[in-house]
């Protein structure tokens, strides 16, 4: 997808952004009309600097008669989840809500991971409360994300308590959940506890 001629041309124009003029922008707007959502996603993923991808995302959103497809929002959130650009991720989450697009737990999970990478563990976990206030029911993916964030933040005991809470809520852990907790034990050199957890895992 990234090798599509339109994608290549848009990426070329983006690299010239410091010398943009009305002619450049007009050309880019013209191409934008031909870009289907998967191609827009390819352009975003092709950017080496995530901040440039975010700037292009905002620029697109301001164009007349253009509206981001849901897949574009989620692609941008996925990109930002690999960075510390948590404010940008939070803003995109607000845009999703404001435009009446259904937010899945995955969207909140992307923002949570971005906050975690920025070292804002408490704010990351507040996303769970924000999600529930928005009427979005937690699922296994967001629970695994929360456990991952806690383990990465050296909060293994809290991660274990969270595991208990999710099980009480009827959400069964999977191999991803256990692997994350086992890694948490191993990082603390608690190999015996890690082995014990392995024996407790469902077959």
N, C-alpha and C. Protein backbone atom coordinates (compact mmCIF):
# COMPACT_ATOMS: atom_id res chain seq x y z
N UNK A 1 0.82 -1.21 0.00
CA UNK A 1 0.00 0.00 0.00
C UNK A 1 0.86 1.26 0.00
N UNK A 2 1.99 1.21 0.77
CA UNK A 2 2.86 2.37 0.87
C UNK A 2 3.52 2.70 -0.46
N UNK A 3 3.54 1.72 -1.42
CA UNK A 3 4.21 1.94 -2.69
C UNK A 3 3.23 2.44 -3.75
N UNK A 4 1.99 2.69 -3.37
CA UNK A 4 1.01 3.26 -4.29
C UNK A 4 1.51 4.63 -4.77
N UNK A 5 1.38 4.94 -6.08
CA UNK A 5 1.89 6.22 -6.59
C UNK A 5 1.32 7.44 -5.87
N UNK A 6 0.02 7.38 -5.53
CA UNK A 6 -0.58 8.51 -4.82
C UNK A 6 0.03 8.67 -3.43
N UNK A 7 0.25 7.53 -2.77
CA UNK A 7 0.85 7.58 -1.42
C UNK A 7 2.25 8.17 -1.51
N UNK A 8 3.02 7.73 -2.52
CA UNK A 8 4.39 8.24 -2.70
C UNK A 8 4.38 9.75 -2.94
N UNK A 9 3.44 10.21 -3.78
CA UNK A 9 3.38 11.64 -4.11
C UNK A 9 3.01 12.48 -2.89
N UNK A 10 2.04 11.99 -2.11
CA UNK A 10 1.65 12.73 -0.90
C UNK A 10 2.83 12.78 0.08
N UNK A 11 3.52 11.66 0.23
CA UNK A 11 4.69 11.63 1.13
C UNK A 11 5.77 12.59 0.65
N UNK A 12 5.94 12.67 -0.69
CA UNK A 12 6.93 13.60 -1.23
C UNK A 12 6.56 15.04 -0.91
N UNK A 13 5.29 15.38 -1.08
CA UNK A 13 4.83 16.74 -0.79
C UNK A 13 4.97 17.07 0.69
N UNK A 14 4.73 16.06 1.53
CA UNK A 14 4.85 16.30 2.98
C UNK A 14 6.29 16.64 3.34
N UNK A 15 7.26 15.98 2.66
CA UNK A 15 8.67 16.27 2.95
C UNK A 15 9.05 17.69 2.56
N UNK A 16 8.26 18.29 1.67
CA UNK A 16 8.52 19.67 1.23
C UNK A 16 7.72 20.69 2.02
N UNK A 17 7.15 20.25 3.15
CA UNK A 17 6.20 21.10 3.88
C UNK A 17 6.80 22.45 4.29
N UNK A 18 8.12 22.51 4.50
CA UNK A 18 8.72 23.78 4.93
C UNK A 18 8.67 24.84 3.82
N UNK A 19 8.47 24.39 2.56
CA UNK A 19 8.40 25.35 1.45
C UNK A 19 7.00 25.38 0.83
N UNK A 20 6.03 24.88 1.59
CA UNK A 20 4.66 24.86 1.07
C UNK A 20 4.20 26.27 0.70
N UNK A 21 3.45 26.32 -0.38
CA UNK A 21 2.79 27.56 -0.79
C UNK A 21 1.40 27.18 -1.27
N UNK A 22 0.55 28.14 -1.62
CA UNK A 22 -0.82 27.79 -2.06
C UNK A 22 -0.86 26.76 -3.19
N UNK A 23 0.15 26.80 -4.09
CA UNK A 23 0.18 25.84 -5.20
C UNK A 23 0.37 24.42 -4.67
N UNK A 24 1.33 24.24 -3.75
CA UNK A 24 1.57 22.93 -3.15
C UNK A 24 0.32 22.42 -2.44
N UNK A 25 -0.27 23.29 -1.64
CA UNK A 25 -1.45 22.87 -0.88
C UNK A 25 -2.60 22.53 -1.80
N UNK A 26 -2.75 23.30 -2.86
CA UNK A 26 -3.82 23.02 -3.83
C UNK A 26 -3.62 21.66 -4.47
N UNK A 27 -2.37 21.35 -4.83
CA UNK A 27 -2.05 20.05 -5.43
C UNK A 27 -2.36 18.92 -4.44
N UNK A 28 -1.99 19.14 -3.18
CA UNK A 28 -2.23 18.13 -2.15
C UNK A 28 -3.73 17.93 -1.92
N UNK A 29 -4.49 19.02 -1.91
CA UNK A 29 -5.95 18.90 -1.75
C UNK A 29 -6.55 18.11 -2.90
N UNK A 30 -6.04 18.35 -4.11
CA UNK A 30 -6.55 17.64 -5.28
C UNK A 30 -6.31 16.13 -5.14
N UNK A 31 -5.09 15.76 -4.68
CA UNK A 31 -4.77 14.34 -4.50
C UNK A 31 -5.63 13.75 -3.39
N UNK A 32 -5.86 14.54 -2.35
CA UNK A 32 -6.62 14.06 -1.19
C UNK A 32 -7.99 13.54 -1.60
N UNK A 33 -8.59 14.16 -2.62
CA UNK A 33 -9.92 13.73 -3.08
C UNK A 33 -9.88 12.31 -3.63
N UNK A 34 -8.70 11.86 -4.07
CA UNK A 34 -8.57 10.52 -4.66
C UNK A 34 -8.08 9.48 -3.66
N UNK A 35 -7.73 9.93 -2.46
CA UNK A 35 -7.18 9.01 -1.47
C UNK A 35 -8.29 8.32 -0.69
N UNK A 36 -8.41 7.04 -0.87
CA UNK A 36 -9.35 6.27 -0.08
C UNK A 36 -8.76 6.06 1.32
N UNK A 37 -9.61 5.79 2.33
CA UNK A 37 -9.10 5.67 3.71
C UNK A 37 -7.87 4.78 3.89
N UNK A 38 -7.80 3.58 3.25
CA UNK A 38 -6.59 2.76 3.43
C UNK A 38 -5.32 3.47 2.94
N UNK A 39 -5.45 4.30 1.89
CA UNK A 39 -4.28 5.02 1.37
C UNK A 39 -3.88 6.16 2.33
N UNK A 40 -4.89 6.80 2.93
CA UNK A 40 -4.59 7.83 3.93
C UNK A 40 -3.82 7.19 5.09
N UNK A 41 -4.26 6.02 5.51
CA UNK A 41 -3.57 5.29 6.58
C UNK A 41 -2.14 4.96 6.19
N UNK A 42 -1.95 4.58 4.92
CA UNK A 42 -0.60 4.26 4.44
C UNK A 42 0.30 5.48 4.50
N UNK A 43 -0.24 6.64 4.16
CA UNK A 43 0.54 7.89 4.24
C UNK A 43 0.95 8.15 5.69
N UNK A 44 0.02 8.00 6.61
CA UNK A 44 0.31 8.25 8.02
C UNK A 44 1.38 7.29 8.54
N UNK A 45 1.26 6.01 8.17
CA UNK A 45 2.23 5.01 8.64
C UNK A 45 3.61 5.22 8.02
N UNK A 46 3.66 5.87 6.86
CA UNK A 46 4.93 6.06 6.16
C UNK A 46 5.80 7.14 6.77
N UNK A 47 5.23 7.96 7.65
CA UNK A 47 6.01 9.06 8.23
C UNK A 47 6.97 8.56 9.29
N UNK A 48 8.23 8.94 9.15
CA UNK A 48 9.24 8.54 10.13
C UNK A 48 9.01 9.26 11.46
N UNK A 49 8.61 10.52 11.37
CA UNK A 49 8.34 11.33 12.57
C UNK A 49 6.83 11.32 12.82
N UNK A 50 6.42 10.77 13.95
CA UNK A 50 4.99 10.67 14.27
C UNK A 50 4.33 12.04 14.41
N UNK A 51 5.11 13.06 14.77
CA UNK A 51 4.55 14.41 14.90
C UNK A 51 4.15 14.97 13.55
N UNK A 52 4.90 14.59 12.51
CA UNK A 52 4.53 15.02 11.15
C UNK A 52 3.25 14.31 10.72
N UNK A 53 3.16 13.02 11.05
CA UNK A 53 1.93 12.27 10.73
C UNK A 53 0.73 12.93 11.41
N UNK A 54 0.91 13.34 12.66
CA UNK A 54 -0.18 13.98 13.40
C UNK A 54 -0.54 15.33 12.78
N UNK A 55 0.46 16.10 12.37
CA UNK A 55 0.19 17.40 11.72
C UNK A 55 -0.57 17.21 10.42
N UNK A 56 -0.18 16.18 9.64
CA UNK A 56 -0.88 15.91 8.39
C UNK A 56 -2.32 15.47 8.66
N UNK A 57 -2.50 14.66 9.70
CA UNK A 57 -3.84 14.22 10.10
C UNK A 57 -4.72 15.44 10.40
N UNK A 58 -4.19 16.39 11.17
CA UNK A 58 -4.95 17.61 11.50
C UNK A 58 -5.23 18.44 10.25
N UNK A 59 -4.22 18.55 9.39
CA UNK A 59 -4.38 19.34 8.15
C UNK A 59 -5.50 18.76 7.30
N UNK A 60 -5.48 17.43 7.14
CA UNK A 60 -6.53 16.77 6.35
C UNK A 60 -7.91 17.07 6.92
N UNK A 61 -8.00 16.96 8.27
CA UNK A 61 -9.30 17.13 8.91
C UNK A 61 -9.90 18.51 8.73
N UNK A 62 -9.07 19.48 8.38
CA UNK A 62 -9.56 20.85 8.18
C UNK A 62 -9.99 21.13 6.75
N UNK A 63 -9.75 20.17 5.85
CA UNK A 63 -10.04 20.42 4.44
C UNK A 63 -11.54 20.33 4.13
N UNK A 64 -11.97 21.20 3.23
CA UNK A 64 -13.38 21.27 2.85
C UNK A 64 -13.80 19.98 2.16
N UNK A 65 -14.96 19.49 2.55
CA UNK A 65 -15.57 18.29 1.96
C UNK A 65 -14.72 17.04 2.17
N UNK A 66 -13.93 17.07 3.21
CA UNK A 66 -13.19 15.86 3.57
C UNK A 66 -13.54 15.50 5.00
N UNK A 67 -13.70 14.21 5.24
CA UNK A 67 -14.01 13.74 6.58
C UNK A 67 -13.23 12.46 6.83
N UNK A 68 -12.50 12.41 7.95
CA UNK A 68 -11.72 11.22 8.27
C UNK A 68 -12.65 10.01 8.45
N UNK A 69 -12.26 8.90 7.86
CA UNK A 69 -12.95 7.64 8.09
C UNK A 69 -12.52 7.10 9.46
N UNK A 70 -13.36 6.27 10.06
CA UNK A 70 -13.05 5.70 11.37
C UNK A 70 -11.69 5.01 11.38
N UNK A 71 -11.37 4.28 10.30
CA UNK A 71 -10.11 3.55 10.25
C UNK A 71 -8.90 4.49 10.33
N UNK A 72 -9.07 5.72 9.84
CA UNK A 72 -7.97 6.70 9.87
C UNK A 72 -7.73 7.15 11.32
N UNK A 73 -8.81 7.38 12.06
CA UNK A 73 -8.66 7.75 13.48
C UNK A 73 -7.92 6.65 14.24
N UNK A 74 -8.33 5.41 14.02
CA UNK A 74 -7.73 4.30 14.76
C UNK A 74 -6.27 4.07 14.34
N UNK A 75 -5.98 4.29 13.06
CA UNK A 75 -4.59 4.16 12.61
C UNK A 75 -3.71 5.22 13.28
N UNK A 76 -4.23 6.45 13.38
CA UNK A 76 -3.46 7.51 14.02
C UNK A 76 -3.27 7.22 15.50
N UNK A 77 -4.29 6.70 16.14
CA UNK A 77 -4.17 6.34 17.56
C UNK A 77 -3.15 5.22 17.75
N UNK A 78 -3.16 4.26 16.85
CA UNK A 78 -2.20 3.15 16.91
C UNK A 78 -0.77 3.68 16.78
N UNK A 79 -0.57 4.61 15.85
CA UNK A 79 0.76 5.21 15.66
C UNK A 79 1.20 5.93 16.93
N UNK A 80 0.29 6.71 17.52
CA UNK A 80 0.63 7.49 18.71
C UNK A 80 0.84 6.62 19.94
N UNK A 81 0.23 5.43 19.95
CA UNK A 81 0.40 4.54 21.11
C UNK A 81 1.85 4.06 21.23
N UNK A 82 2.61 4.21 20.16
CA UNK A 82 4.02 3.81 20.18
C UNK A 82 4.94 4.99 20.55
N UNK A 83 4.32 6.11 20.95
CA UNK A 83 5.08 7.32 21.26
C UNK A 83 4.65 7.87 22.62
N UNK A 84 5.29 8.98 23.00
CA UNK A 84 4.91 9.69 24.23
C UNK A 84 3.98 10.87 23.93
N UNK A 85 3.45 10.91 22.71
CA UNK A 85 2.59 12.04 22.31
C UNK A 85 1.17 11.82 22.82
N UNK A 86 1.05 11.72 24.14
CA UNK A 86 -0.23 11.36 24.75
C UNK A 86 -1.30 12.45 24.59
N UNK A 87 -0.88 13.72 24.57
CA UNK A 87 -1.87 14.80 24.42
C UNK A 87 -2.54 14.73 23.04
N UNK A 88 -1.74 14.42 22.03
CA UNK A 88 -2.31 14.26 20.69
C UNK A 88 -3.27 13.09 20.64
N UNK A 89 -2.90 11.98 21.29
CA UNK A 89 -3.77 10.80 21.32
C UNK A 89 -5.08 11.12 22.03
N UNK A 90 -4.99 11.85 23.15
CA UNK A 90 -6.20 12.22 23.90
C UNK A 90 -7.10 13.12 23.07
N UNK A 91 -6.48 14.04 22.31
CA UNK A 91 -7.27 14.95 21.47
C UNK A 91 -8.02 14.16 20.40
N UNK A 92 -7.36 13.17 19.81
CA UNK A 92 -8.04 12.36 18.78
C UNK A 92 -9.20 11.59 19.38
N UNK A 93 -9.02 11.11 20.60
CA UNK A 93 -10.10 10.41 21.29
C UNK A 93 -11.31 11.35 21.48
N UNK A 94 -11.02 12.60 21.84
CA UNK A 94 -12.10 13.59 22.00
C UNK A 94 -12.78 13.88 20.66
N UNK A 95 -11.98 13.94 19.58
CA UNK A 95 -12.56 14.17 18.25
C UNK A 95 -13.50 13.04 17.86
N UNK A 96 -13.10 11.81 18.16
CA UNK A 96 -13.96 10.66 17.88
C UNK A 96 -15.31 10.81 18.56
N UNK A 97 -15.26 11.17 19.85
CA UNK A 97 -16.49 11.32 20.63
C UNK A 97 -17.34 12.47 20.10
N UNK A 98 -16.68 13.60 19.81
CA UNK A 98 -17.38 14.80 19.35
C UNK A 98 -18.07 14.56 18.02
N UNK A 99 -17.50 13.71 17.18
CA UNK A 99 -18.07 13.48 15.86
C UNK A 99 -19.00 12.27 15.82
N UNK A 100 -19.32 11.78 17.02
CA UNK A 100 -20.31 10.73 17.11
C UNK A 100 -19.85 9.38 16.61
N UNK A 101 -18.54 9.18 16.55
CA UNK A 101 -18.00 7.89 16.11
C UNK A 101 -17.85 6.99 17.33
N UNK A 102 -18.31 5.78 17.23
CA UNK A 102 -18.26 4.87 18.37
C UNK A 102 -16.82 4.56 18.77
N UNK A 103 -16.53 4.74 20.03
CA UNK A 103 -15.19 4.44 20.55
C UNK A 103 -15.20 3.04 21.15
N UNK A 104 -14.32 2.20 20.68
CA UNK A 104 -14.20 0.86 21.25
C UNK A 104 -13.17 0.90 22.37
N UNK A 105 -13.14 -0.13 23.21
CA UNK A 105 -12.10 -0.18 24.24
C UNK A 105 -10.69 -0.06 23.66
N UNK A 106 -10.50 -0.53 22.42
CA UNK A 106 -9.18 -0.46 21.80
C UNK A 106 -8.71 0.99 21.67
N UNK A 107 -9.62 1.91 21.34
CA UNK A 107 -9.26 3.33 21.20
C UNK A 107 -8.73 3.86 22.53
N UNK A 108 -9.43 3.55 23.62
CA UNK A 108 -8.98 3.98 24.94
C UNK A 108 -7.65 3.32 25.30
N UNK A 109 -7.48 2.07 24.87
CA UNK A 109 -6.24 1.35 25.14
C UNK A 109 -5.04 2.01 24.48
N UNK A 110 -5.21 2.47 23.25
CA UNK A 110 -4.11 3.15 22.56
C UNK A 110 -3.67 4.39 23.33
N UNK A 111 -4.65 5.17 23.80
CA UNK A 111 -4.34 6.40 24.54
C UNK A 111 -3.68 6.05 25.87
N UNK A 112 -4.17 5.00 26.50
CA UNK A 112 -3.61 4.56 27.78
C UNK A 112 -2.12 4.22 27.64
N UNK A 113 -1.77 3.49 26.59
CA UNK A 113 -0.38 3.09 26.39
C UNK A 113 0.49 4.32 26.13
N UNK A 114 -0.04 5.29 25.38
CA UNK A 114 0.73 6.50 25.11
C UNK A 114 1.04 7.27 26.39
N UNK A 115 0.03 7.39 27.27
CA UNK A 115 0.26 8.04 28.56
C UNK A 115 1.29 7.26 29.38
N UNK A 116 1.20 5.96 29.31
CA UNK A 116 2.15 5.10 30.03
C UNK A 116 3.57 5.35 29.55
N UNK A 117 3.75 5.42 28.24
CA UNK A 117 5.08 5.68 27.67
C UNK A 117 5.62 7.04 28.11
N UNK A 118 4.70 7.98 28.32
CA UNK A 118 5.10 9.33 28.75
C UNK A 118 5.37 9.38 30.25
N UNK A 119 5.22 8.23 30.92
CA UNK A 119 5.47 8.17 32.35
C UNK A 119 4.32 8.65 33.21
N UNK A 120 3.14 8.78 32.60
CA UNK A 120 1.97 9.29 33.32
C UNK A 120 1.03 8.13 33.64
N UNK A 121 1.49 7.29 34.56
CA UNK A 121 0.77 6.05 34.89
C UNK A 121 -0.61 6.33 35.44
N UNK A 122 -0.72 7.27 36.37
CA UNK A 122 -2.02 7.56 36.99
C UNK A 122 -3.03 8.05 35.96
N UNK A 123 -2.58 8.95 35.08
CA UNK A 123 -3.47 9.46 34.03
C UNK A 123 -3.86 8.33 33.08
N UNK A 124 -2.90 7.44 32.80
CA UNK A 124 -3.19 6.31 31.91
C UNK A 124 -4.33 5.47 32.46
N UNK A 125 -4.28 5.18 33.75
CA UNK A 125 -5.31 4.33 34.36
C UNK A 125 -6.65 5.05 34.50
N UNK A 126 -6.62 6.38 34.53
CA UNK A 126 -7.87 7.14 34.59
C UNK A 126 -8.70 6.95 33.32
N UNK A 127 -8.02 6.50 32.25
CA UNK A 127 -8.73 6.25 30.99
C UNK A 127 -9.80 5.18 31.18
N UNK A 128 -9.59 4.25 32.12
CA UNK A 128 -10.60 3.22 32.38
C UNK A 128 -11.88 3.84 32.92
N UNK A 129 -11.72 4.80 33.84
CA UNK A 129 -12.89 5.50 34.39
C UNK A 129 -13.57 6.32 33.31
N UNK A 130 -12.77 7.02 32.52
CA UNK A 130 -13.31 7.84 31.43
C UNK A 130 -14.08 6.97 30.44
N UNK A 131 -13.55 5.79 30.17
CA UNK A 131 -14.20 4.87 29.24
C UNK A 131 -15.56 4.43 29.77
N UNK A 132 -15.62 4.09 31.06
CA UNK A 132 -16.88 3.65 31.65
C UNK A 132 -17.91 4.77 31.71
N UNK A 133 -17.43 6.01 31.95
CA UNK A 133 -18.33 7.17 31.95
C UNK A 133 -18.92 7.40 30.56
N UNK A 134 -18.14 7.01 29.54
CA UNK A 134 -18.62 7.16 28.16
C UNK A 134 -19.56 6.02 27.77
N UNK A 135 -19.79 5.09 28.70
CA UNK A 135 -20.71 3.99 28.44
C UNK A 135 -20.10 2.86 27.65
N UNK A 136 -18.75 2.80 27.61
CA UNK A 136 -18.06 1.73 26.88
C UNK A 136 -17.68 0.65 27.86
N UNK A 137 -18.17 -0.55 27.62
CA UNK A 137 -17.90 -1.67 28.52
C UNK A 137 -16.48 -2.20 28.33
N UNK A 138 -15.77 -2.46 29.40
CA UNK A 138 -14.41 -3.00 29.26
C UNK A 138 -14.45 -4.41 28.68
N UNK A 139 -13.42 -4.74 27.93
CA UNK A 139 -13.29 -6.10 27.41
C UNK A 139 -11.88 -6.61 27.72
N UNK A 140 -11.57 -7.80 27.24
CA UNK A 140 -10.28 -8.41 27.56
C UNK A 140 -9.11 -7.57 27.06
N UNK A 141 -9.26 -6.96 25.89
CA UNK A 141 -8.14 -6.20 25.31
C UNK A 141 -7.76 -5.02 26.20
N UNK A 142 -8.74 -4.27 26.69
CA UNK A 142 -8.42 -3.11 27.54
C UNK A 142 -7.90 -3.56 28.90
N UNK A 143 -8.39 -4.69 29.39
CA UNK A 143 -7.89 -5.22 30.67
C UNK A 143 -6.43 -5.64 30.52
N UNK A 144 -6.10 -6.29 29.40
CA UNK A 144 -4.71 -6.67 29.15
C UNK A 144 -3.81 -5.44 29.03
N UNK A 145 -4.36 -4.40 28.41
CA UNK A 145 -3.60 -3.15 28.29
C UNK A 145 -3.32 -2.56 29.66
N UNK A 146 -4.34 -2.56 30.53
CA UNK A 146 -4.17 -2.02 31.89
C UNK A 146 -3.12 -2.81 32.66
N UNK A 147 -3.16 -4.14 32.54
CA UNK A 147 -2.17 -4.98 33.23
C UNK A 147 -0.77 -4.71 32.67
N UNK A 148 -0.67 -4.57 31.36
CA UNK A 148 0.61 -4.25 30.72
C UNK A 148 1.17 -2.94 31.26
N UNK A 149 0.30 -1.91 31.34
CA UNK A 149 0.70 -0.59 31.82
C UNK A 149 1.18 -0.68 33.27
N UNK A 150 0.46 -1.42 34.10
CA UNK A 150 0.84 -1.56 35.51
C UNK A 150 2.17 -2.30 35.66
N UNK A 151 2.34 -3.37 34.90
CA UNK A 151 3.60 -4.13 34.98
C UNK A 151 4.77 -3.27 34.51
N UNK A 152 4.58 -2.54 33.40
CA UNK A 152 5.64 -1.66 32.89
C UNK A 152 5.96 -0.56 33.88
N UNK A 153 4.96 -0.17 34.67
CA UNK A 153 5.15 0.88 35.66
C UNK A 153 5.61 0.36 37.01
N UNK A 154 6.09 -0.90 37.03
CA UNK A 154 6.58 -1.54 38.26
C UNK A 154 5.51 -1.61 39.35
N UNK A 155 4.28 -1.87 38.94
CA UNK A 155 3.16 -1.99 39.88
C UNK A 155 2.56 -3.39 39.78
N UNK A 156 3.41 -4.39 39.96
CA UNK A 156 2.96 -5.77 39.77
C UNK A 156 1.83 -6.15 40.72
N UNK A 157 1.92 -5.75 42.00
CA UNK A 157 0.87 -6.11 42.95
C UNK A 157 -0.48 -5.52 42.53
N UNK A 158 -0.45 -4.29 42.02
CA UNK A 158 -1.70 -3.69 41.52
C UNK A 158 -2.20 -4.44 40.30
N UNK A 159 -1.27 -4.90 39.47
CA UNK A 159 -1.66 -5.67 38.28
C UNK A 159 -2.34 -6.97 38.69
N UNK A 160 -1.83 -7.61 39.74
CA UNK A 160 -2.43 -8.86 40.23
C UNK A 160 -3.81 -8.61 40.82
N UNK A 161 -3.96 -7.47 41.53
CA UNK A 161 -5.29 -7.13 42.06
C UNK A 161 -6.26 -6.82 40.92
N UNK A 162 -5.74 -6.19 39.87
CA UNK A 162 -6.58 -5.89 38.71
C UNK A 162 -7.04 -7.19 38.05
N UNK A 163 -6.15 -8.18 38.01
CA UNK A 163 -6.51 -9.49 37.46
C UNK A 163 -7.70 -10.08 38.23
N UNK A 164 -7.66 -9.97 39.55
CA UNK A 164 -8.76 -10.48 40.37
C UNK A 164 -10.06 -9.74 40.06
N UNK A 165 -9.96 -8.43 39.91
CA UNK A 165 -11.17 -7.62 39.64
C UNK A 165 -11.78 -7.98 38.29
N UNK A 166 -10.94 -8.17 37.28
CA UNK A 166 -11.48 -8.48 35.96
C UNK A 166 -12.13 -9.87 35.95
N UNK A 167 -11.57 -10.80 36.74
CA UNK A 167 -12.17 -12.12 36.81
C UNK A 167 -13.52 -12.07 37.53
N UNK A 168 -13.61 -11.25 38.57
CA UNK A 168 -14.89 -11.07 39.28
C UNK A 168 -15.93 -10.49 38.32
N UNK A 169 -15.45 -9.61 37.41
CA UNK A 169 -16.37 -8.99 36.44
C UNK A 169 -16.73 -9.93 35.29
N UNK A 170 -16.19 -11.16 35.34
CA UNK A 170 -16.53 -12.14 34.32
C UNK A 170 -15.66 -12.10 33.09
N UNK A 171 -14.53 -11.37 33.16
CA UNK A 171 -13.61 -11.30 32.02
C UNK A 171 -12.46 -12.27 32.27
N UNK A 172 -12.39 -13.32 31.47
CA UNK A 172 -11.39 -14.36 31.69
C UNK A 172 -10.05 -13.96 31.06
N UNK A 173 -8.95 -14.12 31.82
CA UNK A 173 -7.63 -13.82 31.26
C UNK A 173 -7.26 -14.81 30.16
N UNK A 174 -6.35 -14.39 29.30
CA UNK A 174 -5.85 -15.28 28.25
C UNK A 174 -4.34 -15.37 28.33
N UNK A 175 -3.73 -15.96 27.33
CA UNK A 175 -2.28 -16.17 27.34
C UNK A 175 -1.53 -14.85 27.41
N UNK A 176 -2.08 -13.79 26.79
CA UNK A 176 -1.45 -12.46 26.82
C UNK A 176 -1.41 -11.93 28.25
N UNK A 177 -2.52 -12.09 28.96
CA UNK A 177 -2.61 -11.64 30.36
C UNK A 177 -1.53 -12.32 31.20
N UNK A 178 -1.47 -13.65 31.10
CA UNK A 178 -0.53 -14.42 31.92
C UNK A 178 0.93 -14.12 31.53
N UNK A 179 1.20 -14.02 30.25
CA UNK A 179 2.57 -13.72 29.82
C UNK A 179 3.07 -12.40 30.39
N UNK A 180 2.18 -11.43 30.41
CA UNK A 180 2.54 -10.11 30.95
C UNK A 180 2.87 -10.21 32.44
N UNK A 181 2.03 -10.92 33.19
CA UNK A 181 2.26 -11.07 34.63
C UNK A 181 3.51 -11.90 34.92
N UNK A 182 3.72 -12.95 34.13
CA UNK A 182 4.92 -13.79 34.30
C UNK A 182 6.17 -12.95 34.07
N UNK A 183 6.14 -12.09 33.05
CA UNK A 183 7.28 -11.21 32.80
C UNK A 183 7.49 -10.27 33.99
N UNK A 184 6.37 -9.78 34.57
CA UNK A 184 6.47 -8.91 35.73
C UNK A 184 7.17 -9.60 36.89
N UNK A 185 6.82 -10.85 37.13
CA UNK A 185 7.48 -11.62 38.19
C UNK A 185 8.97 -11.81 37.88
N UNK A 186 9.26 -12.17 36.63
CA UNK A 186 10.66 -12.42 36.25
C UNK A 186 11.50 -11.14 36.36
N UNK A 187 10.91 -10.00 36.00
CA UNK A 187 11.64 -8.73 36.11
C UNK A 187 12.03 -8.44 37.56
N UNK A 188 11.22 -8.96 38.49
CA UNK A 188 11.51 -8.76 39.92
C UNK A 188 12.28 -9.95 40.51
N UNK A 189 12.71 -10.85 39.62
CA UNK A 189 13.46 -12.05 40.02
C UNK A 189 12.65 -12.95 40.95
N UNK A 190 11.33 -12.92 40.78
CA UNK A 190 10.45 -13.79 41.58
C UNK A 190 10.10 -15.00 40.71
N UNK A 191 11.12 -15.81 40.43
CA UNK A 191 10.95 -16.92 39.49
C UNK A 191 9.97 -17.97 40.03
N UNK A 192 10.01 -18.20 41.36
CA UNK A 192 9.10 -19.18 41.96
C UNK A 192 7.65 -18.78 41.73
N UNK A 193 7.35 -17.50 41.94
CA UNK A 193 5.97 -17.01 41.71
C UNK A 193 5.59 -17.14 40.24
N UNK A 194 6.56 -16.87 39.35
CA UNK A 194 6.29 -16.99 37.92
C UNK A 194 5.95 -18.43 37.56
N UNK A 195 6.71 -19.38 38.10
CA UNK A 195 6.45 -20.79 37.82
C UNK A 195 5.10 -21.22 38.39
N UNK A 196 4.77 -20.69 39.57
CA UNK A 196 3.48 -21.02 40.19
C UNK A 196 2.32 -20.52 39.33
N UNK A 197 2.50 -19.32 38.78
CA UNK A 197 1.46 -18.76 37.92
C UNK A 197 1.29 -19.60 36.67
N UNK A 198 2.41 -20.11 36.14
CA UNK A 198 2.34 -20.97 34.96
C UNK A 198 1.50 -22.21 35.23
N UNK A 199 1.66 -22.79 36.44
CA UNK A 199 0.90 -23.99 36.77
C UNK A 199 -0.58 -23.69 36.94
N UNK A 200 -0.91 -22.42 37.28
CA UNK A 200 -2.32 -22.05 37.45
C UNK A 200 -3.01 -21.72 36.15
N UNK A 201 -2.21 -21.55 35.10
CA UNK A 201 -2.79 -21.16 33.81
C UNK A 201 -3.72 -22.26 33.27
N UNK A 202 -4.81 -21.84 32.66
CA UNK A 202 -5.69 -22.85 32.02
C UNK A 202 -4.89 -23.55 30.92
N UNK A 203 -5.23 -24.79 30.66
CA UNK A 203 -4.47 -25.56 29.66
C UNK A 203 -4.66 -24.91 28.29
